[in-house]
Amino acid sequence: MAVVALLICGVLLATTGVLNEHAGAALAAPEPVPGCGLTSPTTRNASQLSGAEAINFVSGDALFKANCAQCHALNDVVVGPALAGITKRRPMSWLIPWIKNSSKLIASGDEQAVKIYEQYQKQQMPSFNLSDIEITQILYYIETVEAQEVTVAGN
């Protein structure tokens, strides 16, 4: 039965053109396929946002999974700290240089950077070759998921 449902979803995806999208459209939020009933959390979350917000959310999700998820979670300490509320705890003017190169910030003697370094057994976050926009998209993704979790919990 599950195989039949997956085949039907595949046919629906193929006929709606979702499987044949151009590479440039990869950043756009995927359209939900009617009748499939199988959507990822990213698709559900992105479908609730406007065009630009959805693009930032989907991009941030992909960037987070590729660069951050190995060591961070939203509400749990993994290797590094939990990231829920990170933009409330630290300003963007600090977060962007920290994410790009935490070692440089620690070496500069930045008080907060040194404190985090000490708190997490002197584990340095790897340097990332991310643009300011990409970092902003990651932080937007974190804020959006966090806000949606609060909304769901409040209902």
N, C-alpha and C. Protein backbone atom coordinates (compact mmCIF):
# COMPACT_ATOMS: atom_id res chain seq x y z
N MET A 1 0.82 -1.20 0.00
CA MET A 1 0.00 0.00 0.00
C MET A 1 0.87 1.26 0.00
N ALA A 2 1.92 1.24 0.82
CA ALA A 2 2.81 2.40 0.88
C ALA A 2 3.52 2.60 -0.46
N VAL A 3 3.87 1.49 -1.11
CA VAL A 3 4.54 1.59 -2.41
C VAL A 3 3.61 2.22 -3.43
N VAL A 4 2.34 1.84 -3.39
CA VAL A 4 1.36 2.42 -4.32
C VAL A 4 1.23 3.92 -4.07
N ALA A 5 1.17 4.32 -2.80
CA ALA A 5 1.06 5.75 -2.46
C ALA A 5 2.29 6.51 -2.97
N LEU A 6 3.48 5.92 -2.81
CA LEU A 6 4.69 6.58 -3.29
C LEU A 6 4.70 6.68 -4.82
N LEU A 7 4.23 5.63 -5.49
CA LEU A 7 4.16 5.68 -6.95
C LEU A 7 3.19 6.76 -7.41
N ILE A 8 2.05 6.86 -6.75
CA ILE A 8 1.08 7.90 -7.10
C ILE A 8 1.69 9.29 -6.89
N CYS A 9 2.39 9.46 -5.76
CA CYS A 9 3.04 10.74 -5.50
C CYS A 9 4.08 11.05 -6.57
N GLY A 10 4.84 10.04 -6.98
CA GLY A 10 5.84 10.23 -8.03
C GLY A 10 5.22 10.66 -9.34
N VAL A 11 4.11 10.03 -9.69
CA VAL A 11 3.40 10.40 -10.92
C VAL A 11 2.88 11.83 -10.82
N LEU A 12 2.30 12.17 -9.66
CA LEU A 12 1.81 13.54 -9.47
C LEU A 12 2.94 14.55 -9.56
N LEU A 13 4.08 14.23 -8.96
CA LEU A 13 5.22 15.14 -9.02
C LEU A 13 5.71 15.31 -10.46
N ALA A 14 5.76 14.22 -11.19
CA ALA A 14 6.23 14.28 -12.57
C ALA A 14 5.26 15.07 -13.45
N THR A 15 3.97 14.85 -13.26
CA THR A 15 2.99 15.54 -14.12
C THR A 15 2.85 17.01 -13.78
N THR A 16 3.14 17.39 -12.54
CA THR A 16 3.06 18.81 -12.18
C THR A 16 4.34 19.55 -12.51
N GLY A 17 5.36 18.83 -12.96
CA GLY A 17 6.61 19.47 -13.34
C GLY A 17 7.58 19.69 -12.20
N VAL A 18 7.24 19.25 -11.01
CA VAL A 18 8.11 19.46 -9.86
C VAL A 18 9.44 18.74 -10.05
N LEU A 19 9.41 17.56 -10.67
CA LEU A 19 10.65 16.81 -10.86
C LEU A 19 11.50 17.38 -11.99
N ASN A 20 10.94 18.25 -12.81
CA ASN A 20 11.66 18.78 -13.96
C ASN A 20 11.96 20.26 -13.83
N GLU A 21 12.03 20.79 -12.60
CA GLU A 21 12.29 22.21 -12.41
C GLU A 21 13.71 22.54 -12.86
N HIS A 22 13.91 23.77 -13.28
CA HIS A 22 15.24 24.23 -13.68
C HIS A 22 16.09 24.41 -12.43
N ALA A 23 17.40 24.31 -12.58
CA ALA A 23 18.32 24.44 -11.45
C ALA A 23 18.18 25.79 -10.77
N GLY A 24 17.90 26.86 -11.50
CA GLY A 24 17.77 28.18 -10.91
C GLY A 24 16.58 28.30 -9.99
N ALA A 25 15.61 27.43 -10.14
CA ALA A 25 14.42 27.48 -9.30
C ALA A 25 14.58 26.66 -8.04
N ALA A 26 15.76 26.09 -7.83
CA ALA A 26 15.97 25.21 -6.68
C ALA A 26 15.83 25.95 -5.36
N LEU A 27 16.03 27.26 -5.35
CA LEU A 27 15.90 28.00 -4.10
C LEU A 27 14.46 28.33 -3.76
N ALA A 28 13.57 28.24 -4.71
CA ALA A 28 12.17 28.55 -4.45
C ALA A 28 11.55 27.46 -3.59
N ALA A 29 10.59 27.84 -2.79
CA ALA A 29 9.90 26.87 -1.93
C ALA A 29 9.15 25.88 -2.79
N PRO A 30 9.30 24.59 -2.51
CA PRO A 30 8.59 23.60 -3.30
C PRO A 30 7.09 23.71 -3.09
N GLU A 31 6.34 23.49 -4.16
CA GLU A 31 4.88 23.53 -4.07
C GLU A 31 4.38 22.21 -3.50
N PRO A 32 3.43 22.24 -2.56
CA PRO A 32 2.86 21.00 -2.07
C PRO A 32 2.07 20.32 -3.18
N VAL A 33 2.14 19.01 -3.23
CA VAL A 33 1.43 18.25 -4.24
C VAL A 33 0.10 17.81 -3.65
N PRO A 34 -1.02 18.25 -4.25
CA PRO A 34 -2.33 17.89 -3.71
C PRO A 34 -2.53 16.38 -3.72
N GLY A 35 -3.09 15.87 -2.63
CA GLY A 35 -3.46 14.47 -2.56
C GLY A 35 -2.36 13.54 -2.12
N CYS A 36 -1.13 14.01 -2.07
CA CYS A 36 -0.03 13.14 -1.71
C CYS A 36 -0.02 12.87 -0.21
N GLY A 37 -0.21 13.90 0.58
CA GLY A 37 -0.23 13.73 2.03
C GLY A 37 1.15 13.54 2.63
N LEU A 38 2.18 13.57 1.81
CA LEU A 38 3.53 13.39 2.31
C LEU A 38 4.31 14.66 2.02
N THR A 39 4.54 15.48 3.05
CA THR A 39 5.33 16.69 2.86
C THR A 39 6.38 16.74 3.95
N SER A 40 7.52 17.29 3.61
CA SER A 40 8.58 17.42 4.60
C SER A 40 8.29 18.63 5.48
N PRO A 41 8.90 18.68 6.68
CA PRO A 41 8.72 19.87 7.52
C PRO A 41 9.15 21.14 6.81
N THR A 42 10.20 21.07 5.99
CA THR A 42 10.65 22.25 5.26
C THR A 42 9.58 22.73 4.30
N THR A 43 8.94 21.81 3.59
CA THR A 43 7.88 22.18 2.65
C THR A 43 6.71 22.80 3.38
N ARG A 44 6.30 22.20 4.49
CA ARG A 44 5.17 22.74 5.26
C ARG A 44 5.51 24.13 5.79
N ASN A 45 6.70 24.30 6.37
CA ASN A 45 7.09 25.59 6.92
C ASN A 45 7.22 26.65 5.83
N ALA A 46 7.85 26.30 4.72
CA ALA A 46 8.06 27.26 3.64
C ALA A 46 6.75 27.67 3.00
N SER A 47 5.77 26.77 2.96
CA SER A 47 4.51 27.10 2.31
C SER A 47 3.72 28.15 3.08
N GLN A 48 4.09 28.41 4.32
CA GLN A 48 3.40 29.40 5.14
C GLN A 48 4.04 30.79 5.00
N LEU A 49 5.09 30.92 4.21
CA LEU A 49 5.84 32.16 4.10
C LEU A 49 5.63 32.81 2.73
N SER A 50 5.93 34.12 2.66
CA SER A 50 5.86 34.82 1.37
C SER A 50 7.03 34.37 0.50
N GLY A 51 7.07 34.81 -0.75
CA GLY A 51 8.10 34.38 -1.70
C GLY A 51 9.52 34.55 -1.22
N ALA A 52 9.92 35.78 -0.87
CA ALA A 52 11.30 36.03 -0.42
C ALA A 52 11.58 35.31 0.89
N GLU A 53 10.61 35.31 1.79
CA GLU A 53 10.79 34.61 3.06
C GLU A 53 10.98 33.12 2.84
N ALA A 54 10.20 32.55 1.93
CA ALA A 54 10.30 31.12 1.63
C ALA A 54 11.67 30.79 1.05
N ILE A 55 12.16 31.64 0.15
CA ILE A 55 13.49 31.41 -0.43
C ILE A 55 14.55 31.45 0.66
N ASN A 56 14.49 32.45 1.53
CA ASN A 56 15.46 32.54 2.63
C ASN A 56 15.35 31.35 3.56
N PHE A 57 14.13 30.90 3.84
CA PHE A 57 13.91 29.76 4.72
C PHE A 57 14.49 28.48 4.12
N VAL A 58 14.15 28.20 2.87
CA VAL A 58 14.61 26.97 2.22
C VAL A 58 16.14 27.00 2.07
N SER A 59 16.69 28.15 1.70
CA SER A 59 18.15 28.27 1.59
C SER A 59 18.80 28.09 2.95
N GLY A 60 18.24 28.74 3.96
CA GLY A 60 18.77 28.61 5.32
C GLY A 60 18.72 27.18 5.82
N ASP A 61 17.63 26.48 5.51
CA ASP A 61 17.49 25.07 5.90
C ASP A 61 18.61 24.24 5.28
N ALA A 62 18.83 24.41 3.98
CA ALA A 62 19.87 23.64 3.29
C ALA A 62 21.26 23.98 3.83
N LEU A 63 21.51 25.27 4.04
CA LEU A 63 22.81 25.69 4.58
C LEU A 63 23.01 25.18 6.00
N PHE A 64 21.96 25.23 6.82
CA PHE A 64 22.06 24.73 8.20
C PHE A 64 22.40 23.25 8.20
N LYS A 65 21.69 22.48 7.39
CA LYS A 65 21.92 21.03 7.34
C LYS A 65 23.32 20.71 6.82
N ALA A 66 23.82 21.48 5.87
CA ALA A 66 25.14 21.22 5.28
C ALA A 66 26.30 21.68 6.17
N ASN A 67 26.07 22.70 6.99
CA ASN A 67 27.19 23.31 7.73
C ASN A 67 27.07 23.28 9.25
N CYS A 68 25.87 23.21 9.78
CA CYS A 68 25.68 23.42 11.22
C CYS A 68 25.15 22.20 11.98
N ALA A 69 24.30 21.43 11.32
CA ALA A 69 23.54 20.37 12.01
C ALA A 69 24.42 19.28 12.61
N GLN A 70 25.64 19.13 12.13
CA GLN A 70 26.52 18.11 12.70
C GLN A 70 26.87 18.43 14.15
N CYS A 71 26.89 19.69 14.50
CA CYS A 71 27.32 20.10 15.84
C CYS A 71 26.27 20.87 16.63
N HIS A 72 25.18 21.29 15.98
CA HIS A 72 24.18 22.12 16.65
C HIS A 72 22.77 21.60 16.41
N ALA A 73 21.93 21.82 17.40
CA ALA A 73 20.49 21.60 17.28
C ALA A 73 19.81 22.85 17.81
N LEU A 74 18.52 22.93 17.60
CA LEU A 74 17.81 24.12 18.05
C LEU A 74 17.71 24.17 19.57
N ASN A 75 17.28 23.09 20.17
CA ASN A 75 17.01 23.09 21.61
C ASN A 75 17.94 22.22 22.44
N ASP A 76 18.87 21.54 21.80
CA ASP A 76 19.76 20.62 22.52
C ASP A 76 21.21 20.98 22.27
N VAL A 77 22.02 20.78 23.31
CA VAL A 77 23.46 20.91 23.16
C VAL A 77 23.94 19.63 22.48
N VAL A 78 24.66 19.76 21.39
CA VAL A 78 25.24 18.60 20.71
C VAL A 78 26.73 18.70 20.99
N VAL A 79 27.53 19.14 20.04
CA VAL A 79 28.93 19.47 20.29
C VAL A 79 29.00 20.93 20.72
N GLY A 80 28.24 21.75 20.01
CA GLY A 80 28.17 23.18 20.32
C GLY A 80 26.84 23.51 20.98
N PRO A 81 26.64 24.76 21.32
CA PRO A 81 25.43 25.15 22.05
C PRO A 81 24.15 25.03 21.22
N ALA A 82 23.03 24.92 21.94
CA ALA A 82 21.71 24.97 21.30
C ALA A 82 21.54 26.36 20.69
N LEU A 83 20.89 26.43 19.55
CA LEU A 83 20.82 27.71 18.83
C LEU A 83 19.49 28.45 18.96
N ALA A 84 18.53 27.88 19.66
CA ALA A 84 17.26 28.58 19.88
C ALA A 84 17.56 29.91 20.60
N GLY A 85 17.01 30.97 20.07
CA GLY A 85 17.18 32.28 20.69
C GLY A 85 18.53 32.93 20.46
N ILE A 86 19.33 32.39 19.55
CA ILE A 86 20.69 32.90 19.35
C ILE A 86 20.69 34.37 18.93
N THR A 87 19.72 34.78 18.13
CA THR A 87 19.70 36.18 17.68
C THR A 87 19.19 37.12 18.76
N LYS A 88 18.63 36.55 19.82
CA LYS A 88 18.24 37.38 20.97
C LYS A 88 19.41 37.51 21.95
N ARG A 89 20.29 36.50 21.94
CA ARG A 89 21.44 36.51 22.85
C ARG A 89 22.64 37.27 22.30
N ARG A 90 22.77 37.30 20.98
CA ARG A 90 23.93 37.92 20.35
C ARG A 90 23.48 38.78 19.17
N PRO A 91 24.10 39.93 18.96
CA PRO A 91 23.74 40.77 17.81
C PRO A 91 24.32 40.18 16.51
N MET A 92 23.69 40.52 15.39
CA MET A 92 24.16 40.07 14.09
C MET A 92 25.60 40.51 13.85
N SER A 93 25.94 41.70 14.34
CA SER A 93 27.30 42.22 14.14
C SER A 93 28.35 41.34 14.82
N TRP A 94 27.95 40.52 15.78
CA TRP A 94 28.85 39.57 16.43
C TRP A 94 28.71 38.19 15.80
N LEU A 95 27.48 37.78 15.50
CA LEU A 95 27.24 36.44 14.98
C LEU A 95 27.92 36.19 13.63
N ILE A 96 27.87 37.15 12.73
CA ILE A 96 28.43 36.93 11.39
C ILE A 96 29.94 36.66 11.47
N PRO A 97 30.74 37.49 12.15
CA PRO A 97 32.17 37.16 12.25
C PRO A 97 32.43 35.86 13.02
N TRP A 98 31.61 35.57 14.02
CA TRP A 98 31.77 34.34 14.80
C TRP A 98 31.55 33.12 13.91
N ILE A 99 30.50 33.13 13.12
CA ILE A 99 30.20 31.99 12.26
C ILE A 99 31.25 31.86 11.16
N LYS A 100 31.71 32.97 10.62
CA LYS A 100 32.72 32.92 9.56
C LYS A 100 34.05 32.37 10.07
N ASN A 101 34.48 32.81 11.25
CA ASN A 101 35.79 32.40 11.75
C ASN A 101 35.87 32.61 13.26
N SER A 102 35.36 31.63 14.00
CA SER A 102 35.35 31.75 15.46
C SER A 102 36.76 31.82 16.03
N SER A 103 37.71 31.12 15.42
CA SER A 103 39.10 31.13 15.91
C SER A 103 39.68 32.54 15.91
N LYS A 104 39.38 33.30 14.87
CA LYS A 104 39.88 34.67 14.76
C LYS A 104 39.29 35.54 15.88
N LEU A 105 38.01 35.35 16.16
CA LEU A 105 37.35 36.13 17.20
C LEU A 105 37.90 35.75 18.59
N ILE A 106 38.16 34.47 18.79
CA ILE A 106 38.74 34.01 20.06
C ILE A 106 40.14 34.60 20.21
N ALA A 107 40.95 34.51 19.15
CA ALA A 107 42.32 35.03 19.19
C ALA A 107 42.37 36.53 19.43
N SER A 108 41.31 37.24 19.02
CA SER A 108 41.27 38.69 19.24
C SER A 108 41.00 39.04 20.70
N GLY A 109 40.63 38.02 21.49
CA GLY A 109 40.34 38.25 22.90
C GLY A 109 38.91 38.65 23.18
N ASP A 110 38.03 38.53 22.18
CA ASP A 110 36.62 38.86 22.38
C ASP A 110 36.09 38.07 23.58
N GLU A 111 35.55 38.80 24.55
CA GLU A 111 35.13 38.20 25.82
C GLU A 111 34.09 37.09 25.64
N GLN A 112 33.06 37.34 24.83
CA GLN A 112 32.02 36.33 24.63
C GLN A 112 32.56 35.12 23.87
N ALA A 113 33.41 35.35 22.89
CA ALA A 113 33.98 34.25 22.11
C ALA A 113 34.84 33.35 23.00
N VAL A 114 35.66 33.95 23.84
CA VAL A 114 36.51 33.18 24.74
C VAL A 114 35.65 32.40 25.74
N LYS A 115 34.59 33.01 26.24
CA LYS A 115 33.70 32.35 27.19
C LYS A 115 33.06 31.10 26.57
N ILE A 116 32.57 31.22 25.34
CA ILE A 116 31.95 30.08 24.66
C ILE A 116 33.00 29.00 24.42
N TYR A 117 34.17 29.40 23.98
CA TYR A 117 35.28 28.47 23.73
C TYR A 117 35.60 27.68 24.99
N GLU A 118 35.70 28.35 26.10
CA GLU A 118 36.00 27.69 27.38
C GLU A 118 34.84 26.79 27.82
N GLN A 119 33.63 27.25 27.65
CA GLN A 119 32.44 26.51 28.08
C GLN A 119 32.27 25.19 27.33
N TYR A 120 32.70 25.16 26.08
CA TYR A 120 32.52 23.95 25.26
C TYR A 120 33.84 23.23 25.03
N GLN A 121 34.58 23.02 26.13
CA GLN A 121 35.81 22.22 26.16
C GLN A 121 36.83 22.62 25.09
N LYS A 122 36.92 23.89 24.85
CA LYS A 122 37.89 24.45 23.90
C LYS A 122 37.75 23.84 22.50
N GLN A 123 36.51 23.51 22.15
CA GLN A 123 36.21 23.04 20.79
C GLN A 123 35.97 24.27 19.92
N GLN A 124 36.81 24.44 18.92
CA GLN A 124 36.61 25.58 18.03
C GLN A 124 35.70 25.19 16.88
N MET A 125 34.78 26.07 16.59
CA MET A 125 33.90 25.86 15.45
C MET A 125 34.74 26.03 14.18
N PRO A 126 34.56 25.14 13.20
CA PRO A 126 35.33 25.31 11.96
C PRO A 126 34.99 26.64 11.28
N SER A 127 35.94 27.15 10.52
CA SER A 127 35.69 28.36 9.74
C SER A 127 34.83 27.99 8.53
N PHE A 128 33.90 28.85 8.21
CA PHE A 128 33.01 28.60 7.08
C PHE A 128 33.19 29.69 6.05
N ASN A 129 33.24 29.30 4.80
CA ASN A 129 33.35 30.26 3.70
C ASN A 129 31.94 30.64 3.25
N LEU A 130 31.19 31.20 4.17
CA LEU A 130 29.81 31.61 3.89
C LEU A 130 29.75 33.12 3.76
N SER A 131 28.88 33.58 2.89
CA SER A 131 28.68 35.03 2.75
C SER A 131 27.80 35.53 3.90
N ASP A 132 27.78 36.83 4.07
CA ASP A 132 26.90 37.43 5.08
C ASP A 132 25.45 37.05 4.80
N ILE A 133 25.08 37.03 3.53
CA ILE A 133 23.70 36.68 3.16
C ILE A 133 23.39 35.24 3.55
N GLU A 134 24.32 34.32 3.28
CA GLU A 134 24.09 32.92 3.64
C GLU A 134 23.96 32.74 5.15
N ILE A 135 24.79 33.44 5.90
CA ILE A 135 24.70 33.37 7.37
C ILE A 135 23.36 33.94 7.83
N THR A 136 22.94 35.04 7.23
CA THR A 136 21.65 35.63 7.56
C THR A 136 20.52 34.66 7.25
N GLN A 137 20.62 33.92 6.15
CA GLN A 137 19.60 32.92 5.80
C GLN A 137 19.56 31.79 6.83
N ILE A 138 20.72 31.35 7.30
CA ILE A 138 20.77 30.32 8.34
C ILE A 138 20.08 30.83 9.60
N LEU A 139 20.40 32.05 10.00
CA LEU A 139 19.80 32.62 11.21
C LEU A 139 18.30 32.85 11.03
N TYR A 140 17.88 33.23 9.83
CA TYR A 140 16.45 33.38 9.55
C TYR A 140 15.75 32.03 9.68
N TYR A 141 16.36 30.99 9.15
CA TYR A 141 15.81 29.64 9.26
C TYR A 141 15.63 29.25 10.74
N ILE A 142 16.65 29.48 11.55
CA ILE A 142 16.59 29.14 12.97
C ILE A 142 15.46 29.92 13.65
N GLU A 143 15.39 31.23 13.40
CA GLU A 143 14.33 32.06 14.00
C GLU A 143 12.94 31.60 13.58
N THR A 144 12.79 31.25 12.30
CA THR A 144 11.48 30.85 11.78
C THR A 144 11.03 29.53 12.37
N VAL A 145 11.93 28.56 12.41
CA VAL A 145 11.59 27.25 13.00
C VAL A 145 11.23 27.44 14.47
N GLU A 146 12.01 28.24 15.16
CA GLU A 146 11.75 28.50 16.57
C GLU A 146 10.38 29.16 16.76
N ALA A 147 10.06 30.15 15.95
CA ALA A 147 8.77 30.85 16.05
C ALA A 147 7.62 29.90 15.74
N GLN A 148 7.81 29.03 14.75
CA GLN A 148 6.75 28.08 14.40
C GLN A 148 6.55 27.04 15.49
N GLU A 149 7.63 26.64 16.18
CA GLU A 149 7.49 25.70 17.29
C GLU A 149 6.72 26.34 18.44
N VAL A 150 6.98 27.61 18.70
CA VAL A 150 6.26 28.33 19.75
C VAL A 150 4.79 28.43 19.39
N THR A 151 4.49 28.74 18.12
CA THR A 151 3.10 28.85 17.67
C THR A 151 2.38 27.52 17.81
N VAL A 152 3.02 26.44 17.40
CA VAL A 152 2.40 25.11 17.49
C VAL A 152 2.18 24.74 18.95
N ALA A 153 3.15 25.02 19.81
CA ALA A 153 3.01 24.70 21.23
C ALA A 153 1.90 25.52 21.88
N GLY A 154 1.69 26.74 21.40
CA GLY A 154 0.67 27.61 21.97
C GLY A 154 -0.74 27.27 21.54
N ASN A 155 -0.90 26.47 20.49
CA ASN A 155 -2.24 26.10 20.00
C ASN A 155 -2.79 24.91 20.70
